[in-house]
Each structure stands twice: as structure tokens, then as C-alpha cells.
């Protein structure tokens, strides 16, 4: 489970399948099962990201948006 992008893609695919199953009026039992499984899918994704994700080189005080090169000036 060290391949974080794969885990994120699988969780996203699960969410899309859940939404599509509602749209196409699939059996209620399937929709309820997907609904009750969904927290575990999200928790598995969060665990994989926190355990095997790439740690930021910056602290929250230095840069709170790590994907954008914005330096905090301390007045926020």
C-alpha cells in the first residue's frame, strides 16, 4: 500500500461508481452497501497518505500552501 497515487485513484473510482450507481438506479441493497463501505475506503486512503505520503519540506508557518510558492509574511 505504499503506492499512494494508486490508493487515491481507487478511492476516487469507488466514489464515482457510488455516484453512478445512484444515477442509474441500481438496486438499493448495492447502494446501501457502497454507502456503508465508503467510510472505510476514505479511512484507508487517509491512512495511506499519512503513512506513506511525501512529507513537506516546509512548516505551516513558512508556507501553508505547499503546492504554491507563496511565502507567508507574518501579517495574515
N, C-alpha and C. Protein backbone atom coordinates (compact mmCIF):
# COMPACT_ATOMS: atom_id res chain seq x y z
N UNK A 1 0.83 -1.19 0.00
CA UNK A 1 0.00 0.00 0.00
C UNK A 1 0.87 1.26 0.00
N UNK A 2 2.10 1.14 -0.43
CA UNK A 2 2.98 2.30 -0.45
C UNK A 2 2.79 3.17 -1.68
N UNK A 3 2.02 2.71 -2.65
CA UNK A 3 1.82 3.47 -3.87
C UNK A 3 0.59 4.36 -3.68
N UNK A 4 0.81 5.54 -3.13
CA UNK A 4 -0.27 6.44 -2.74
C UNK A 4 -1.14 6.87 -3.92
N UNK A 5 -0.60 7.21 -5.09
CA UNK A 5 -1.49 7.59 -6.20
C UNK A 5 -2.47 6.49 -6.60
N UNK A 6 -2.06 5.23 -6.49
CA UNK A 6 -2.97 4.13 -6.81
C UNK A 6 -4.11 4.07 -5.80
N UNK A 7 -3.79 4.25 -4.53
CA UNK A 7 -4.82 4.23 -3.48
C UNK A 7 -5.79 5.39 -3.68
N UNK A 8 -5.29 6.56 -4.03
CA UNK A 8 -6.15 7.71 -4.28
C UNK A 8 -7.03 7.46 -5.50
N UNK A 9 -6.47 6.87 -6.54
CA UNK A 9 -7.25 6.56 -7.75
C UNK A 9 -8.34 5.54 -7.45
N UNK A 10 -8.05 4.53 -6.66
CA UNK A 10 -9.05 3.53 -6.31
C UNK A 10 -10.17 4.11 -5.46
N UNK A 11 -9.83 4.98 -4.52
CA UNK A 11 -10.86 5.63 -3.70
C UNK A 11 -11.72 6.55 -4.55
N UNK A 12 -11.12 7.24 -5.49
CA UNK A 12 -11.87 8.11 -6.40
C UNK A 12 -12.77 7.28 -7.31
N UNK A 13 -12.26 6.17 -7.81
CA UNK A 13 -13.08 5.28 -8.65
C UNK A 13 -14.25 4.72 -7.86
N UNK A 14 -14.03 4.38 -6.60
CA UNK A 14 -15.11 3.91 -5.75
C UNK A 14 -16.18 4.98 -5.58
N UNK A 15 -15.75 6.22 -5.34
CA UNK A 15 -16.71 7.32 -5.17
C UNK A 15 -17.50 7.56 -6.45
N UNK A 16 -16.82 7.50 -7.59
CA UNK A 16 -17.52 7.69 -8.86
C UNK A 16 -18.50 6.56 -9.14
N UNK A 17 -18.10 5.32 -8.83
CA UNK A 17 -19.01 4.19 -9.01
C UNK A 17 -20.23 4.33 -8.10
N UNK A 18 -20.02 4.80 -6.89
CA UNK A 18 -21.14 5.01 -5.96
C UNK A 18 -22.12 6.04 -6.53
N UNK A 19 -21.59 7.15 -7.03
CA UNK A 19 -22.45 8.18 -7.62
C UNK A 19 -23.17 7.68 -8.87
N UNK A 20 -22.47 6.94 -9.70
CA UNK A 20 -23.08 6.42 -10.93
C UNK A 20 -24.15 5.38 -10.60
N UNK A 21 -23.92 4.60 -9.55
CA UNK A 21 -24.92 3.59 -9.18
C UNK A 21 -26.22 4.25 -8.73
N UNK A 22 -26.14 5.40 -8.11
CA UNK A 22 -27.35 6.14 -7.74
C UNK A 22 -28.01 6.70 -8.99
N UNK A 23 -27.22 7.23 -9.90
CA UNK A 23 -27.75 7.84 -11.12
C UNK A 23 -28.48 6.82 -11.98
N UNK A 24 -27.92 5.61 -12.09
CA UNK A 24 -28.52 4.58 -12.94
C UNK A 24 -29.52 3.70 -12.19
N UNK A 25 -29.88 4.11 -10.99
CA UNK A 25 -30.89 3.43 -10.18
C UNK A 25 -30.62 1.93 -10.04
N UNK A 26 -29.41 1.63 -9.62
CA UNK A 26 -29.05 0.24 -9.34
C UNK A 26 -29.80 -0.21 -8.08
N UNK A 27 -29.78 -1.49 -7.76
CA UNK A 27 -30.54 -1.98 -6.60
C UNK A 27 -30.16 -1.26 -5.31
N UNK A 28 -31.18 -1.06 -4.48
CA UNK A 28 -30.96 -0.32 -3.24
C UNK A 28 -29.96 -1.02 -2.32
N UNK A 29 -29.95 -2.33 -2.32
CA UNK A 29 -29.01 -3.07 -1.49
C UNK A 29 -27.57 -2.76 -1.84
N UNK A 30 -27.28 -2.64 -3.13
CA UNK A 30 -25.93 -2.31 -3.57
C UNK A 30 -25.55 -0.89 -3.14
N UNK A 31 -26.49 0.03 -3.31
CA UNK A 31 -26.22 1.42 -2.94
C UNK A 31 -25.98 1.54 -1.44
N UNK A 32 -26.80 0.86 -0.64
CA UNK A 32 -26.61 0.90 0.82
C UNK A 32 -25.28 0.26 1.21
N UNK A 33 -24.91 -0.83 0.55
CA UNK A 33 -23.63 -1.48 0.85
C UNK A 33 -22.46 -0.55 0.52
N UNK A 34 -22.53 0.10 -0.64
CA UNK A 34 -21.47 1.04 -1.00
C UNK A 34 -21.41 2.21 -0.03
N UNK A 35 -22.58 2.65 0.41
CA UNK A 35 -22.64 3.77 1.36
C UNK A 35 -21.97 3.39 2.68
N UNK A 36 -22.23 2.19 3.17
CA UNK A 36 -21.67 1.78 4.46
C UNK A 36 -20.19 1.39 4.35
N UNK A 37 -19.73 1.03 3.17
CA UNK A 37 -18.31 0.72 2.97
C UNK A 37 -17.48 1.99 2.77
N UNK A 38 -18.10 3.06 2.30
CA UNK A 38 -17.37 4.27 1.93
C UNK A 38 -16.51 4.87 3.05
N UNK A 39 -16.94 4.89 4.32
CA UNK A 39 -16.01 5.43 5.35
C UNK A 39 -14.71 4.65 5.46
N UNK A 40 -14.79 3.33 5.26
CA UNK A 40 -13.57 2.51 5.35
C UNK A 40 -12.64 2.78 4.17
N UNK A 41 -13.21 3.05 3.01
CA UNK A 41 -12.39 3.39 1.84
C UNK A 41 -11.67 4.72 2.09
N UNK A 42 -12.39 5.69 2.63
CA UNK A 42 -11.79 7.00 2.92
C UNK A 42 -10.72 6.87 4.00
N UNK A 43 -11.01 6.09 5.04
CA UNK A 43 -10.01 5.90 6.10
C UNK A 43 -8.76 5.20 5.57
N UNK A 44 -8.92 4.23 4.68
CA UNK A 44 -7.76 3.56 4.09
C UNK A 44 -6.95 4.54 3.25
N UNK A 45 -7.63 5.42 2.52
CA UNK A 45 -6.91 6.41 1.72
C UNK A 45 -6.17 7.40 2.63
N UNK A 46 -6.81 7.87 3.67
CA UNK A 46 -6.17 8.80 4.60
C UNK A 46 -4.96 8.14 5.27
N UNK A 47 -5.13 6.90 5.68
CA UNK A 47 -4.02 6.18 6.31
C UNK A 47 -2.83 6.05 5.34
N UNK A 48 -3.12 5.70 4.09
CA UNK A 48 -2.04 5.54 3.11
C UNK A 48 -1.33 6.87 2.87
N UNK A 49 -2.08 7.96 2.80
CA UNK A 49 -1.47 9.26 2.56
C UNK A 49 -0.62 9.69 3.76
N UNK A 50 -1.15 9.51 4.96
CA UNK A 50 -0.40 9.93 6.14
C UNK A 50 0.80 9.04 6.43
N UNK A 51 0.68 7.76 6.14
CA UNK A 51 1.76 6.81 6.44
C UNK A 51 2.85 6.83 5.38
N UNK A 52 2.45 6.90 4.10
CA UNK A 52 3.42 6.74 3.02
C UNK A 52 3.53 7.96 2.11
N UNK A 53 2.87 9.04 2.45
CA UNK A 53 2.92 10.24 1.62
C UNK A 53 4.26 10.95 1.74
N UNK A 54 4.46 11.91 0.90
CA UNK A 54 5.70 12.69 0.90
C UNK A 54 5.56 13.83 1.90
N UNK A 55 6.48 13.87 2.83
CA UNK A 55 6.44 14.91 3.85
C UNK A 55 6.91 16.24 3.26
N UNK A 56 6.26 17.30 3.67
CA UNK A 56 6.61 18.62 3.19
C UNK A 56 7.94 19.07 3.77
N UNK A 57 8.67 19.87 3.00
CA UNK A 57 9.94 20.41 3.47
C UNK A 57 9.74 21.69 4.26
N UNK A 58 8.51 22.21 4.27
CA UNK A 58 8.23 23.48 4.91
C UNK A 58 7.28 23.29 6.09
N UNK A 59 7.34 24.20 7.03
CA UNK A 59 6.40 24.18 8.15
C UNK A 59 5.16 24.98 7.77
N UNK A 60 4.14 24.88 8.59
CA UNK A 60 2.90 25.63 8.36
C UNK A 60 3.16 27.13 8.41
N UNK A 61 4.04 27.56 9.29
CA UNK A 61 4.33 28.99 9.41
C UNK A 61 5.11 29.53 8.21
N UNK A 62 5.90 28.68 7.57
CA UNK A 62 6.66 29.13 6.41
C UNK A 62 5.79 29.20 5.16
N UNK A 63 5.02 28.16 4.91
CA UNK A 63 4.24 28.07 3.69
C UNK A 63 3.03 27.18 3.95
N UNK A 64 1.85 27.78 3.94
CA UNK A 64 0.67 26.98 4.25
C UNK A 64 0.04 26.35 3.02
N UNK A 65 0.38 26.79 1.84
CA UNK A 65 0.01 26.11 0.60
C UNK A 65 1.28 25.55 0.01
N UNK A 66 1.49 24.24 0.18
CA UNK A 66 2.76 23.66 -0.24
C UNK A 66 2.86 23.52 -1.76
N UNK A 67 1.73 23.54 -2.45
CA UNK A 67 1.78 23.39 -3.91
C UNK A 67 1.93 24.73 -4.63
N UNK A 68 1.99 25.82 -3.89
CA UNK A 68 2.13 27.13 -4.49
C UNK A 68 3.27 27.85 -3.80
N UNK A 69 4.14 28.49 -4.51
CA UNK A 69 5.33 29.12 -3.95
C UNK A 69 4.96 30.48 -3.36
N UNK A 70 4.24 30.46 -2.26
CA UNK A 70 3.83 31.68 -1.57
C UNK A 70 4.46 31.69 -0.19
N UNK A 71 5.26 32.68 0.06
CA UNK A 71 5.90 32.80 1.37
C UNK A 71 5.03 33.68 2.27
N UNK A 72 4.78 33.21 3.48
CA UNK A 72 4.00 33.99 4.43
C UNK A 72 4.81 35.18 4.91
N UNK A 73 4.15 36.30 5.06
CA UNK A 73 4.87 37.48 5.53
C UNK A 73 4.60 37.77 7.00
N UNK A 74 3.78 36.96 7.66
CA UNK A 74 3.54 37.11 9.09
C UNK A 74 2.39 38.03 9.44
N UNK A 75 1.80 38.72 8.45
CA UNK A 75 0.69 39.64 8.72
C UNK A 75 -0.67 38.99 8.53
N UNK A 76 -0.73 37.73 8.14
CA UNK A 76 -2.02 37.11 7.90
C UNK A 76 -2.73 36.80 9.19
